[in-house]
């Protein structure tokens, strides 16, 4: 079973717009993310932002113009539009690099999604960042590569890492000590789970978007 994806392309570092939207998917350009989509030959369904980075009025039939002074970032406003349209899986491209505060804000958006029973994936050049909340994430058999797990919550309880080089069993992990950094795949199926709390997971981009088992779906196409 496949789930429709809402793609959000931001104005951060362009680490490769390599996705191909399928029927039922939705593509949103956040501010100057429109330029990256135009360069890749991908048509946006919606363009949204205050356009302080794009520095021009978008030539597009579906534009939402935001105030420059606002509480939400352009990326969060884009995600809200996707949620209103019924999407629960979000792939964020062009949303890392540049100003580090925007990367941090976008990781917080991932936590917002998982804490509200949705899931987001933040793509950079080599890695994907996602979050899970009170759930587990299963990785298929994978030969080698690094994977890191951090607590986004002040305290995440019942954290287990199985099928990786370094295991944890029902541990309590805090956001003040990076015990889960630089773990490794060992060629077998692996499972990361948390009973109470939100985890940030960083893994190789080549694995694509993986959905938490709480949604009864283990894999989602890139």
N, C-alpha and C. Protein backbone atom coordinates (compact mmCIF):
# COMPACT_ATOMS: atom_id res chain seq x y z
N UNK A 1 0.85 -1.21 0.00
CA UNK A 1 0.00 0.00 0.00
C UNK A 1 0.87 1.24 0.00
N UNK A 2 0.57 2.19 -0.85
CA UNK A 2 1.28 3.45 -0.90
C UNK A 2 0.41 4.55 -0.30
N UNK A 3 1.06 5.53 0.28
CA UNK A 3 0.35 6.69 0.80
C UNK A 3 0.74 7.91 -0.03
N UNK A 4 -0.23 8.75 -0.31
CA UNK A 4 0.08 9.98 -1.04
C UNK A 4 0.97 10.87 -0.20
N UNK A 5 1.87 11.56 -0.86
CA UNK A 5 2.88 12.38 -0.20
C UNK A 5 2.65 13.85 -0.53
N UNK A 6 2.79 14.69 0.47
CA UNK A 6 2.84 16.13 0.25
C UNK A 6 4.31 16.55 0.29
N UNK A 7 4.82 17.02 -0.83
CA UNK A 7 6.20 17.47 -0.93
C UNK A 7 6.26 18.97 -0.67
N UNK A 8 7.15 19.37 0.23
CA UNK A 8 7.36 20.78 0.52
C UNK A 8 8.81 21.11 0.17
N UNK A 9 9.01 22.07 -0.72
CA UNK A 9 10.35 22.45 -1.14
C UNK A 9 10.62 23.87 -0.66
N UNK A 10 11.63 24.00 0.19
CA UNK A 10 11.95 25.28 0.79
C UNK A 10 13.11 25.98 0.10
N UNK A 11 13.54 27.08 0.69
CA UNK A 11 14.56 27.94 0.10
C UNK A 11 15.93 27.74 0.71
N UNK A 12 16.13 26.61 1.42
CA UNK A 12 17.43 26.33 2.00
C UNK A 12 18.39 25.78 0.96
N UNK A 13 19.30 24.92 1.38
CA UNK A 13 20.27 24.35 0.46
C UNK A 13 19.59 23.33 -0.46
N UNK A 14 19.87 23.41 -1.74
CA UNK A 14 19.32 22.45 -2.70
C UNK A 14 20.21 21.22 -2.71
N UNK A 15 19.75 20.17 -2.05
CA UNK A 15 20.54 18.93 -1.95
C UNK A 15 20.07 17.87 -2.94
N UNK A 16 19.32 18.29 -3.94
CA UNK A 16 18.86 17.36 -4.95
C UNK A 16 17.36 17.16 -4.91
N UNK A 17 16.67 17.75 -5.85
CA UNK A 17 15.22 17.56 -5.96
C UNK A 17 15.03 16.36 -6.88
N UNK A 18 15.05 15.17 -6.29
CA UNK A 18 15.08 13.95 -7.09
C UNK A 18 13.78 13.15 -7.03
N UNK A 19 12.74 13.73 -6.47
CA UNK A 19 11.49 12.98 -6.38
C UNK A 19 10.66 13.17 -7.66
N UNK A 20 9.79 12.23 -7.91
CA UNK A 20 8.86 12.30 -9.04
C UNK A 20 7.46 12.17 -8.48
N UNK A 21 6.69 13.26 -8.45
CA UNK A 21 5.33 13.18 -7.88
C UNK A 21 4.47 12.18 -8.65
N UNK A 22 3.69 11.43 -7.90
CA UNK A 22 2.77 10.45 -8.47
C UNK A 22 1.35 10.98 -8.38
N UNK A 23 0.42 10.41 -9.12
CA UNK A 23 -0.98 10.84 -9.02
C UNK A 23 -1.46 10.82 -7.57
N UNK A 24 -2.05 11.91 -7.13
CA UNK A 24 -2.51 12.01 -5.75
C UNK A 24 -1.55 12.73 -4.83
N UNK A 25 -0.30 12.91 -5.26
CA UNK A 25 0.67 13.67 -4.47
C UNK A 25 0.40 15.16 -4.65
N UNK A 26 1.02 15.96 -3.76
CA UNK A 26 0.82 17.41 -3.79
C UNK A 26 2.16 18.07 -3.55
N UNK A 27 2.50 19.05 -4.38
CA UNK A 27 3.80 19.71 -4.30
C UNK A 27 3.60 21.18 -3.95
N UNK A 28 4.26 21.59 -2.86
CA UNK A 28 4.16 22.98 -2.40
C UNK A 28 5.55 23.62 -2.44
N UNK A 29 5.64 24.77 -3.06
CA UNK A 29 6.87 25.57 -3.04
C UNK A 29 6.75 26.60 -1.93
N UNK A 30 7.70 26.57 -1.00
CA UNK A 30 7.74 27.56 0.07
C UNK A 30 8.76 28.63 -0.32
N UNK A 31 8.25 29.81 -0.64
CA UNK A 31 9.09 30.95 -1.04
C UNK A 31 10.01 30.55 -2.20
N UNK A 32 11.33 30.74 -2.05
CA UNK A 32 12.25 30.50 -3.16
C UNK A 32 12.44 29.03 -3.49
N UNK A 33 11.77 28.14 -2.78
CA UNK A 33 11.74 26.75 -3.20
C UNK A 33 11.15 26.61 -4.59
N UNK A 34 10.38 27.61 -5.02
CA UNK A 34 9.83 27.61 -6.36
C UNK A 34 10.94 27.57 -7.41
N UNK A 35 12.03 28.26 -7.16
CA UNK A 35 13.15 28.27 -8.11
C UNK A 35 13.72 26.87 -8.28
N UNK A 36 13.89 26.14 -7.17
CA UNK A 36 14.43 24.78 -7.24
C UNK A 36 13.51 23.87 -8.04
N UNK A 37 12.21 24.01 -7.85
CA UNK A 37 11.25 23.20 -8.60
C UNK A 37 11.30 23.54 -10.09
N UNK A 38 11.36 24.82 -10.41
CA UNK A 38 11.43 25.24 -11.81
C UNK A 38 12.69 24.67 -12.46
N UNK A 39 13.81 24.70 -11.75
CA UNK A 39 15.06 24.17 -12.30
C UNK A 39 14.99 22.66 -12.51
N UNK A 40 14.16 21.98 -11.71
CA UNK A 40 14.03 20.52 -11.80
C UNK A 40 12.92 20.09 -12.74
N UNK A 41 12.17 21.05 -13.27
CA UNK A 41 11.08 20.71 -14.17
C UNK A 41 9.87 20.13 -13.50
N UNK A 42 9.70 20.40 -12.21
CA UNK A 42 8.55 19.90 -11.45
C UNK A 42 7.58 21.05 -11.22
N UNK A 43 6.33 20.82 -11.50
CA UNK A 43 5.31 21.86 -11.35
C UNK A 43 4.73 21.84 -9.94
N UNK A 44 4.73 22.99 -9.30
CA UNK A 44 4.15 23.12 -7.96
C UNK A 44 2.64 23.23 -8.07
N UNK A 45 1.94 22.57 -7.13
CA UNK A 45 0.49 22.75 -7.04
C UNK A 45 0.13 24.05 -6.32
N UNK A 46 1.03 24.49 -5.43
CA UNK A 46 0.79 25.68 -4.63
C UNK A 46 2.12 26.36 -4.35
N UNK A 47 2.12 27.69 -4.37
CA UNK A 47 3.28 28.48 -3.98
C UNK A 47 2.86 29.34 -2.80
N UNK A 48 3.64 29.28 -1.71
CA UNK A 48 3.27 30.02 -0.50
C UNK A 48 4.51 30.66 0.11
N UNK A 49 4.35 31.84 0.70
CA UNK A 49 5.47 32.48 1.38
C UNK A 49 5.32 33.98 1.43
N UNK A 50 6.24 34.61 2.14
CA UNK A 50 6.27 36.07 2.13
C UNK A 50 7.16 36.59 0.99
N UNK A 51 7.90 35.66 0.37
CA UNK A 51 8.71 35.93 -0.82
C UNK A 51 9.82 36.95 -0.59
N UNK A 52 10.31 36.97 0.66
CA UNK A 52 11.48 37.80 0.95
C UNK A 52 12.74 37.20 0.36
N UNK A 53 12.73 35.89 0.13
CA UNK A 53 13.89 35.22 -0.47
C UNK A 53 13.76 35.14 -1.98
N UNK A 54 12.57 34.83 -2.47
CA UNK A 54 12.34 34.75 -3.91
C UNK A 54 12.53 36.11 -4.58
N UNK A 55 12.11 37.17 -3.88
CA UNK A 55 12.28 38.56 -4.35
C UNK A 55 11.58 38.84 -5.68
N UNK A 56 10.49 38.14 -5.90
CA UNK A 56 9.66 38.45 -7.07
C UNK A 56 8.27 37.87 -6.84
N UNK A 57 7.32 38.39 -7.56
CA UNK A 57 5.97 37.86 -7.48
C UNK A 57 5.89 36.58 -8.30
N UNK A 58 5.49 35.47 -7.69
CA UNK A 58 5.45 34.21 -8.43
C UNK A 58 4.47 34.26 -9.60
N UNK A 59 4.91 33.77 -10.73
CA UNK A 59 4.04 33.64 -11.89
C UNK A 59 3.41 32.25 -11.83
N UNK A 60 2.36 32.15 -11.03
CA UNK A 60 1.74 30.85 -10.77
C UNK A 60 0.26 31.08 -10.49
N UNK A 61 -0.61 30.17 -10.92
CA UNK A 61 -2.05 30.38 -10.73
C UNK A 61 -2.55 30.16 -9.31
N UNK A 62 -1.73 29.56 -8.44
CA UNK A 62 -2.18 29.25 -7.08
C UNK A 62 -1.14 29.74 -6.08
N UNK A 63 -1.30 30.97 -5.63
CA UNK A 63 -0.31 31.61 -4.76
C UNK A 63 -0.98 32.08 -3.48
N UNK A 64 -0.32 31.82 -2.33
CA UNK A 64 -0.74 32.38 -1.05
C UNK A 64 0.39 33.27 -0.56
N UNK A 65 0.12 34.55 -0.41
CA UNK A 65 1.13 35.50 0.05
C UNK A 65 0.97 35.74 1.54
N UNK A 66 2.05 35.55 2.28
CA UNK A 66 2.04 35.71 3.72
C UNK A 66 2.69 37.04 4.11
N UNK A 67 2.35 37.53 5.28
CA UNK A 67 3.02 38.71 5.83
C UNK A 67 4.44 38.35 6.23
N UNK A 68 5.34 39.30 6.10
CA UNK A 68 6.72 39.06 6.52
C UNK A 68 6.82 38.89 8.03
N UNK A 69 6.00 39.64 8.78
CA UNK A 69 6.01 39.53 10.23
C UNK A 69 4.88 38.57 10.64
N UNK A 70 5.27 37.37 11.10
CA UNK A 70 4.29 36.34 11.41
C UNK A 70 4.91 35.36 12.39
N UNK A 71 4.07 34.54 13.02
CA UNK A 71 4.54 33.55 13.98
C UNK A 71 5.04 32.29 13.28
N UNK A 72 4.37 31.88 12.21
CA UNK A 72 4.73 30.65 11.50
C UNK A 72 5.81 30.92 10.46
N UNK A 73 6.69 29.94 10.26
CA UNK A 73 7.62 30.02 9.14
C UNK A 73 6.87 29.69 7.84
N UNK A 74 7.49 30.02 6.71
CA UNK A 74 6.89 29.67 5.43
C UNK A 74 6.70 28.15 5.31
N UNK A 75 7.68 27.40 5.83
CA UNK A 75 7.59 25.94 5.75
C UNK A 75 6.43 25.41 6.57
N UNK A 76 6.24 25.95 7.77
CA UNK A 76 5.13 25.50 8.60
C UNK A 76 3.80 25.87 7.96
N UNK A 77 3.73 27.06 7.36
CA UNK A 77 2.51 27.46 6.67
C UNK A 77 2.22 26.51 5.52
N UNK A 78 3.27 26.05 4.83
CA UNK A 78 3.09 25.10 3.73
C UNK A 78 2.55 23.77 4.26
N UNK A 79 3.11 23.31 5.37
CA UNK A 79 2.65 22.05 5.95
C UNK A 79 1.19 22.17 6.39
N UNK A 80 0.82 23.29 6.95
CA UNK A 80 -0.57 23.48 7.36
C UNK A 80 -1.51 23.38 6.17
N UNK A 81 -1.08 23.90 5.02
CA UNK A 81 -1.90 23.78 3.82
C UNK A 81 -2.05 22.32 3.42
N UNK A 82 -0.96 21.55 3.52
CA UNK A 82 -1.03 20.13 3.21
C UNK A 82 -1.94 19.38 4.15
N UNK A 83 -1.88 19.73 5.43
CA UNK A 83 -2.75 19.08 6.41
C UNK A 83 -4.21 19.37 6.10
N UNK A 84 -4.51 20.61 5.75
CA UNK A 84 -5.88 20.98 5.41
C UNK A 84 -6.41 20.18 4.22
N UNK A 85 -5.51 19.76 3.35
CA UNK A 85 -5.91 18.99 2.19
C UNK A 85 -5.94 17.49 2.47
N UNK A 86 -5.66 17.11 3.73
CA UNK A 86 -5.80 15.72 4.13
C UNK A 86 -4.54 14.88 4.09
N UNK A 87 -3.38 15.49 3.85
CA UNK A 87 -2.14 14.72 3.79
C UNK A 87 -1.59 14.47 5.20
N UNK A 88 -0.98 13.30 5.37
CA UNK A 88 -0.40 12.94 6.66
C UNK A 88 1.08 12.57 6.55
N UNK A 89 1.58 12.50 5.32
CA UNK A 89 3.00 12.18 5.08
C UNK A 89 3.62 13.34 4.30
N UNK A 90 4.71 13.89 4.84
CA UNK A 90 5.34 15.08 4.27
C UNK A 90 6.82 14.82 4.02
N UNK A 91 7.29 15.16 2.82
CA UNK A 91 8.71 15.10 2.50
C UNK A 91 9.21 16.52 2.29
N UNK A 92 10.19 16.92 3.08
CA UNK A 92 10.71 18.29 3.05
C UNK A 92 12.07 18.32 2.36
N UNK A 93 12.16 19.07 1.27
CA UNK A 93 13.40 19.25 0.54
C UNK A 93 13.77 20.73 0.55
N UNK A 94 15.07 21.02 0.47
CA UNK A 94 15.50 22.41 0.50
C UNK A 94 15.19 23.08 1.83
N UNK A 95 15.17 22.29 2.89
CA UNK A 95 14.79 22.80 4.21
C UNK A 95 15.90 22.63 5.24
N UNK A 96 17.14 22.42 4.76
CA UNK A 96 18.31 22.38 5.63
C UNK A 96 19.36 23.30 5.03
N UNK A 97 20.46 23.50 5.76
CA UNK A 97 21.54 24.34 5.26
C UNK A 97 21.21 25.81 5.41
N UNK A 98 22.17 26.64 5.08
CA UNK A 98 21.94 28.08 5.21
C UNK A 98 21.82 28.47 6.67
N UNK A 99 20.75 29.15 7.02
CA UNK A 99 20.54 29.61 8.39
C UNK A 99 20.16 28.44 9.28
N UNK A 100 21.02 28.14 10.26
CA UNK A 100 20.84 26.96 11.10
C UNK A 100 19.54 27.01 11.88
N UNK A 101 19.06 28.23 12.20
CA UNK A 101 17.82 28.31 12.97
C UNK A 101 16.63 27.77 12.19
N UNK A 102 16.69 27.88 10.85
CA UNK A 102 15.59 27.34 10.05
C UNK A 102 15.65 25.81 10.03
N UNK A 103 16.85 25.24 10.02
CA UNK A 103 16.97 23.79 10.09
C UNK A 103 16.42 23.28 11.41
N UNK A 104 16.75 23.95 12.51
CA UNK A 104 16.24 23.55 13.82
C UNK A 104 14.72 23.67 13.84
N UNK A 105 14.20 24.77 13.30
CA UNK A 105 12.75 24.95 13.25
C UNK A 105 12.08 23.84 12.46
N UNK A 106 12.71 23.38 11.38
CA UNK A 106 12.12 22.33 10.57
C UNK A 106 12.17 20.98 11.27
N UNK A 107 13.19 20.74 12.09
CA UNK A 107 13.21 19.52 12.90
C UNK A 107 12.07 19.57 13.92
N UNK A 108 11.81 20.76 14.46
CA UNK A 108 10.66 20.90 15.36
C UNK A 108 9.35 20.61 14.63
N UNK A 109 9.27 20.95 13.34
CA UNK A 109 8.08 20.64 12.57
C UNK A 109 7.88 19.14 12.44
N UNK A 110 8.99 18.40 12.31
CA UNK A 110 8.88 16.95 12.26
C UNK A 110 8.25 16.41 13.54
N UNK A 111 8.68 16.97 14.68
CA UNK A 111 8.11 16.55 15.96
C UNK A 111 6.64 16.92 16.05
N UNK A 112 6.30 18.09 15.54
CA UNK A 112 4.89 18.50 15.52
C UNK A 112 4.06 17.48 14.76
N UNK A 113 4.57 17.01 13.63
CA UNK A 113 3.82 16.06 12.82
C UNK A 113 3.66 14.72 13.54
N UNK A 114 4.74 14.16 14.07
CA UNK A 114 4.62 12.85 14.70
C UNK A 114 3.79 12.91 15.98
N UNK A 115 3.85 14.03 16.69
CA UNK A 115 3.05 14.17 17.90
C UNK A 115 1.57 14.37 17.59
N UNK A 116 1.26 14.62 16.32
CA UNK A 116 -0.13 14.76 15.89
C UNK A 116 -0.51 13.64 14.90
N UNK A 117 0.13 12.48 15.08
CA UNK A 117 -0.20 11.25 14.34
C UNK A 117 0.04 11.37 12.84
N UNK A 118 1.03 12.18 12.46
CA UNK A 118 1.47 12.27 11.07
C UNK A 118 2.97 12.01 11.03
N UNK A 119 3.58 12.09 9.85
CA UNK A 119 5.01 11.84 9.77
C UNK A 119 5.65 12.69 8.69
N UNK A 120 6.82 13.23 9.04
CA UNK A 120 7.57 14.04 8.10
C UNK A 120 8.99 13.54 7.95
N UNK A 121 9.58 13.83 6.79
CA UNK A 121 10.95 13.43 6.49
C UNK A 121 11.68 14.64 5.93
N UNK A 122 12.82 14.96 6.53
CA UNK A 122 13.61 16.12 6.15
C UNK A 122 14.86 15.61 5.42
N UNK A 123 14.98 15.93 4.14
CA UNK A 123 16.05 15.42 3.29
C UNK A 123 17.18 16.42 3.19
N UNK A 124 18.42 15.98 3.49
CA UNK A 124 19.58 16.80 3.14
C UNK A 124 20.42 16.02 2.15
N UNK A 125 21.66 16.41 1.92
CA UNK A 125 22.44 15.80 0.86
C UNK A 125 22.68 14.31 1.07
N UNK A 126 22.96 13.91 2.31
CA UNK A 126 23.32 12.53 2.56
C UNK A 126 22.34 11.79 3.49
N UNK A 127 21.52 12.53 4.21
CA UNK A 127 20.71 11.92 5.25
C UNK A 127 19.24 12.29 5.16
N UNK A 128 18.45 11.54 5.91
CA UNK A 128 17.05 11.87 6.14
C UNK A 128 16.86 11.98 7.64
N UNK A 129 16.11 12.97 8.07
CA UNK A 129 15.77 13.12 9.48
C UNK A 129 14.26 12.93 9.61
N UNK A 130 13.85 12.12 10.58
CA UNK A 130 12.44 11.95 10.86
C UNK A 130 12.25 11.87 12.37
N UNK A 131 11.01 11.85 12.82
CA UNK A 131 10.73 11.67 14.24
C UNK A 131 9.63 10.64 14.41
N UNK A 132 9.62 9.98 15.55
CA UNK A 132 8.52 9.10 15.93
C UNK A 132 8.10 9.45 17.35
N UNK A 133 6.82 9.30 17.63
CA UNK A 133 6.27 9.59 18.95
C UNK A 133 5.45 8.40 19.41
N UNK A 134 5.85 7.80 20.54
CA UNK A 134 5.13 6.65 21.10
C UNK A 134 4.90 5.59 20.03
N UNK A 135 5.94 5.26 19.29
CA UNK A 135 5.79 4.37 18.14
C UNK A 135 7.11 3.64 17.88
N UNK A 136 7.13 2.84 16.83
CA UNK A 136 8.37 2.18 16.42
C UNK A 136 8.56 2.33 14.93
N UNK A 137 9.82 2.27 14.51
CA UNK A 137 10.19 2.42 13.12
C UNK A 137 11.06 1.24 12.74
N UNK A 138 10.67 0.53 11.69
CA UNK A 138 11.40 -0.66 11.24
C UNK A 138 12.19 -0.35 9.98
N UNK A 139 13.48 -0.69 9.99
CA UNK A 139 14.33 -0.54 8.83
C UNK A 139 14.56 -1.90 8.19
N UNK A 140 14.46 -1.99 6.87
CA UNK A 140 14.73 -3.27 6.21
C UNK A 140 16.20 -3.63 6.35
N UNK A 141 16.53 -4.84 5.99
CA UNK A 141 17.91 -5.28 6.06
C UNK A 141 18.80 -4.32 5.27
N UNK A 142 19.82 -3.81 5.93
CA UNK A 142 20.69 -2.81 5.33
C UNK A 142 22.12 -3.09 5.74
N UNK A 143 23.02 -3.17 4.76
CA UNK A 143 24.37 -3.64 5.03
C UNK A 143 25.20 -2.80 5.96
N UNK A 144 25.32 -1.52 5.68
CA UNK A 144 26.19 -0.70 6.51
C UNK A 144 25.73 0.74 6.43
N UNK A 145 26.24 1.54 7.35
CA UNK A 145 25.89 2.96 7.39
C UNK A 145 25.57 3.37 8.81
N UNK A 146 25.59 4.67 9.04
CA UNK A 146 25.34 5.21 10.36
C UNK A 146 23.87 5.56 10.55
N UNK A 147 23.42 5.43 11.77
CA UNK A 147 22.10 5.88 12.17
C UNK A 147 22.21 6.46 13.57
N UNK A 148 21.59 7.59 13.80
CA UNK A 148 21.65 8.24 15.11
C UNK A 148 20.24 8.49 15.64
N UNK A 149 20.10 8.35 16.94
CA UNK A 149 18.80 8.50 17.59
C UNK A 149 18.95 9.47 18.76
N UNK A 150 18.12 10.52 18.78
CA UNK A 150 18.17 11.52 19.84
C UNK A 150 16.78 11.68 20.45
N UNK A 151 16.74 12.09 21.69
CA UNK A 151 15.46 12.41 22.30
C UNK A 151 15.11 13.87 22.01
N UNK A 152 13.97 14.08 21.37
CA UNK A 152 13.46 15.45 21.22
C UNK A 152 12.77 15.88 22.50
N UNK A 153 12.08 14.95 23.13
CA UNK A 153 11.43 15.24 24.42
C UNK A 153 12.49 15.44 25.49
N UNK A 154 12.12 16.13 26.56
CA UNK A 154 13.04 16.25 27.68
C UNK A 154 13.48 14.89 28.17
N UNK A 155 12.54 13.93 28.15
CA UNK A 155 12.83 12.56 28.55
C UNK A 155 11.99 11.62 27.70
N UNK A 156 12.63 10.67 27.05
CA UNK A 156 11.93 9.64 26.28
C UNK A 156 12.10 8.31 27.01
N UNK A 157 11.00 7.65 27.30
CA UNK A 157 11.03 6.43 28.11
C UNK A 157 10.75 5.20 27.27
N UNK A 158 11.35 4.08 27.69
CA UNK A 158 11.14 2.82 27.00
C UNK A 158 11.73 2.82 25.60
N UNK A 159 12.93 3.36 25.47
CA UNK A 159 13.60 3.41 24.17
C UNK A 159 14.37 2.12 23.94
N UNK A 160 14.09 1.45 22.82
CA UNK A 160 14.79 0.21 22.47
C UNK A 160 15.35 0.32 21.07
N UNK A 161 16.58 -0.13 20.91
CA UNK A 161 17.26 -0.19 19.61
C UNK A 161 17.67 -1.64 19.39
N UNK A 162 17.08 -2.29 18.41
CA UNK A 162 17.36 -3.69 18.12
C UNK A 162 17.82 -3.86 16.68
N UNK A 163 18.75 -4.80 16.47
CA UNK A 163 19.25 -5.06 15.13
C UNK A 163 20.33 -4.10 14.69
N UNK A 164 20.85 -3.28 15.61
CA UNK A 164 21.95 -2.35 15.31
C UNK A 164 23.20 -2.76 16.09
N UNK A 165 24.33 -2.14 15.79
CA UNK A 165 25.58 -2.50 16.45
C UNK A 165 25.50 -2.29 17.96
N UNK A 166 24.90 -1.17 18.36
CA UNK A 166 24.76 -0.87 19.78
C UNK A 166 23.29 -0.94 20.15
N UNK A 167 22.94 -1.77 21.12
CA UNK A 167 21.54 -1.99 21.47
C UNK A 167 21.16 -1.21 22.73
N UNK A 168 19.90 -0.90 22.81
CA UNK A 168 19.30 -0.38 24.03
C UNK A 168 18.05 -1.19 24.29
N UNK A 169 17.72 -1.37 25.56
CA UNK A 169 16.53 -2.15 25.91
C UNK A 169 15.73 -1.40 26.96
N UNK A 170 14.62 -0.81 26.53
CA UNK A 170 13.72 -0.08 27.43
C UNK A 170 14.46 0.96 28.26
N UNK A 171 15.33 1.73 27.61
CA UNK A 171 16.13 2.74 28.30
C UNK A 171 15.38 4.07 28.34
N UNK A 172 15.82 4.92 29.27
CA UNK A 172 15.34 6.30 29.32
C UNK A 172 16.43 7.19 28.71
N UNK A 173 16.06 7.96 27.69
CA UNK A 173 17.00 8.81 26.97
C UNK A 173 16.55 10.26 27.13
N UNK A 174 17.49 11.15 27.42
CA UNK A 174 17.15 12.56 27.60
C UNK A 174 17.68 13.39 26.44
N UNK A 175 17.20 14.63 26.36
CA UNK A 175 17.67 15.52 25.30
C UNK A 175 18.94 16.27 25.70
N UNK A 176 19.56 15.86 26.80
CA UNK A 176 20.77 16.53 27.26
C UNK A 176 22.00 15.63 27.18
N UNK A 177 21.84 14.41 26.63
CA UNK A 177 22.99 13.52 26.48
C UNK A 177 22.81 12.68 25.22
N UNK A 178 23.75 12.78 24.25
CA UNK A 178 23.58 12.14 22.94
C UNK A 178 24.03 10.68 22.91
N UNK A 179 23.44 9.84 23.74
CA UNK A 179 23.86 8.45 23.80
C UNK A 179 23.60 7.70 22.50
N UNK A 180 22.66 8.19 21.69
CA UNK A 180 22.29 7.46 20.48
C UNK A 180 23.02 7.88 19.22
N UNK A 181 24.05 8.71 19.33
CA UNK A 181 24.73 9.20 18.13
C UNK A 181 25.64 8.12 17.54
N UNK A 182 25.72 8.08 16.22
CA UNK A 182 26.65 7.22 15.47
C UNK A 182 26.52 5.74 15.79
N UNK A 183 25.28 5.25 15.82
CA UNK A 183 25.07 3.81 15.83
C UNK A 183 25.28 3.31 14.41
N UNK A 184 25.24 1.98 14.20
CA UNK A 184 25.52 1.45 12.88
C UNK A 184 24.60 0.29 12.52
N UNK A 185 24.25 0.21 11.24
CA UNK A 185 23.54 -0.95 10.72
C UNK A 185 24.52 -2.13 10.64
N UNK A 186 24.01 -3.34 10.82
CA UNK A 186 24.88 -4.52 10.81
C UNK A 186 24.39 -5.59 9.83
N UNK A 187 23.55 -5.19 8.89
CA UNK A 187 23.14 -6.15 7.87
C UNK A 187 21.88 -6.92 8.19
N UNK A 188 21.15 -6.50 9.20
CA UNK A 188 19.90 -7.19 9.55
C UNK A 188 18.78 -6.16 9.71
N UNK A 189 17.53 -6.64 9.73
CA UNK A 189 16.41 -5.74 9.98
C UNK A 189 16.60 -5.12 11.36
N UNK A 190 16.28 -3.85 11.48
CA UNK A 190 16.46 -3.17 12.76
C UNK A 190 15.19 -2.40 13.12
N UNK A 191 14.99 -2.26 14.42
CA UNK A 191 13.78 -1.61 14.93
C UNK A 191 14.16 -0.60 16.01
N UNK A 192 13.61 0.61 15.88
CA UNK A 192 13.75 1.64 16.90
C UNK A 192 12.37 1.91 17.46
N UNK A 193 12.24 1.91 18.78
CA UNK A 193 10.93 2.12 19.38
C UNK A 193 11.03 2.97 20.63
N UNK A 194 9.95 3.66 20.94
CA UNK A 194 9.86 4.48 22.14
C UNK A 194 8.44 4.35 22.68
N UNK A 195 8.33 4.08 23.98
CA UNK A 195 7.02 3.91 24.59
C UNK A 195 6.37 5.25 24.94
N UNK A 196 7.19 6.20 25.38
CA UNK A 196 6.65 7.50 25.77
C UNK A 196 7.67 8.58 25.44
N UNK A 197 7.36 9.40 24.45
CA UNK A 197 8.26 10.48 24.07
C UNK A 197 8.44 10.55 22.57
N UNK A 198 9.23 11.53 22.14
CA UNK A 198 9.50 11.74 20.72
C UNK A 198 10.99 11.61 20.46
N UNK A 199 11.34 10.78 19.47
CA UNK A 199 12.73 10.58 19.08
C UNK A 199 13.00 11.22 17.73
N UNK A 200 14.20 11.78 17.58
CA UNK A 200 14.70 12.24 16.29
C UNK A 200 15.62 11.15 15.75
N UNK A 201 15.40 10.76 14.50
CA UNK A 201 16.18 9.68 13.90
C UNK A 201 16.84 10.20 12.62
N UNK A 202 18.14 9.98 12.50
CA UNK A 202 18.92 10.42 11.33
C UNK A 202 19.51 9.18 10.68
N UNK A 203 19.22 8.98 9.39
CA UNK A 203 19.70 7.77 8.71
C UNK A 203 20.01 8.08 7.24
N UNK A 204 20.68 7.16 6.53
CA UNK A 204 21.12 7.45 5.16
C UNK A 204 19.96 7.73 4.20
N UNK A 205 20.17 8.71 3.35
CA UNK A 205 19.13 9.13 2.41
C UNK A 205 18.70 8.01 1.46
N UNK A 206 19.62 7.12 1.12
CA UNK A 206 19.31 6.07 0.16
C UNK A 206 18.20 5.13 0.64
N UNK A 207 17.90 5.13 1.94
CA UNK A 207 16.84 4.25 2.45
C UNK A 207 15.45 4.80 2.18
N UNK A 208 15.33 6.08 1.86
CA UNK A 208 14.01 6.65 1.56
C UNK A 208 13.19 6.90 2.81
N UNK A 209 11.91 7.22 2.59
CA UNK A 209 11.02 7.54 3.70
C UNK A 209 10.38 6.30 4.28
N UNK A 210 10.60 6.06 5.56
CA UNK A 210 10.05 4.88 6.24
C UNK A 210 8.95 5.33 7.19
N UNK A 211 7.81 4.68 7.14
CA UNK A 211 6.70 5.06 8.00
C UNK A 211 6.69 4.21 9.26
N UNK A 212 6.29 4.82 10.37
CA UNK A 212 6.25 4.10 11.63
C UNK A 212 5.24 2.96 11.57
N UNK A 213 5.53 1.88 12.29
CA UNK A 213 4.67 0.71 12.28
C UNK A 213 3.31 0.98 12.90
N UNK A 214 3.19 2.08 13.63
CA UNK A 214 1.89 2.43 14.20
C UNK A 214 0.87 2.70 13.10
N UNK A 215 1.35 2.99 11.90
CA UNK A 215 0.44 3.26 10.78
C UNK A 215 0.25 2.01 9.92
N UNK A 216 0.84 0.88 10.37
CA UNK A 216 0.73 -0.40 9.67
C UNK A 216 1.37 -0.37 8.28
N UNK A 217 2.28 0.57 8.06
CA UNK A 217 2.98 0.66 6.80
C UNK A 217 4.47 0.81 7.12
N UNK A 218 5.30 -0.06 6.54
CA UNK A 218 6.71 -0.04 6.87
C UNK A 218 7.56 0.77 5.91
N UNK A 219 7.04 0.98 4.71
CA UNK A 219 7.90 1.67 3.74
C UNK A 219 7.09 2.62 2.88
N UNK A 220 7.69 3.74 2.60
CA UNK A 220 7.05 4.75 1.75
C UNK A 220 8.06 5.19 0.71
N UNK A 221 7.64 5.26 -0.54
CA UNK A 221 8.56 5.63 -1.61
C UNK A 221 9.10 7.04 -1.38
N UNK A 222 10.28 7.29 -1.91
CA UNK A 222 10.85 8.63 -1.90
C UNK A 222 10.13 9.46 -2.95
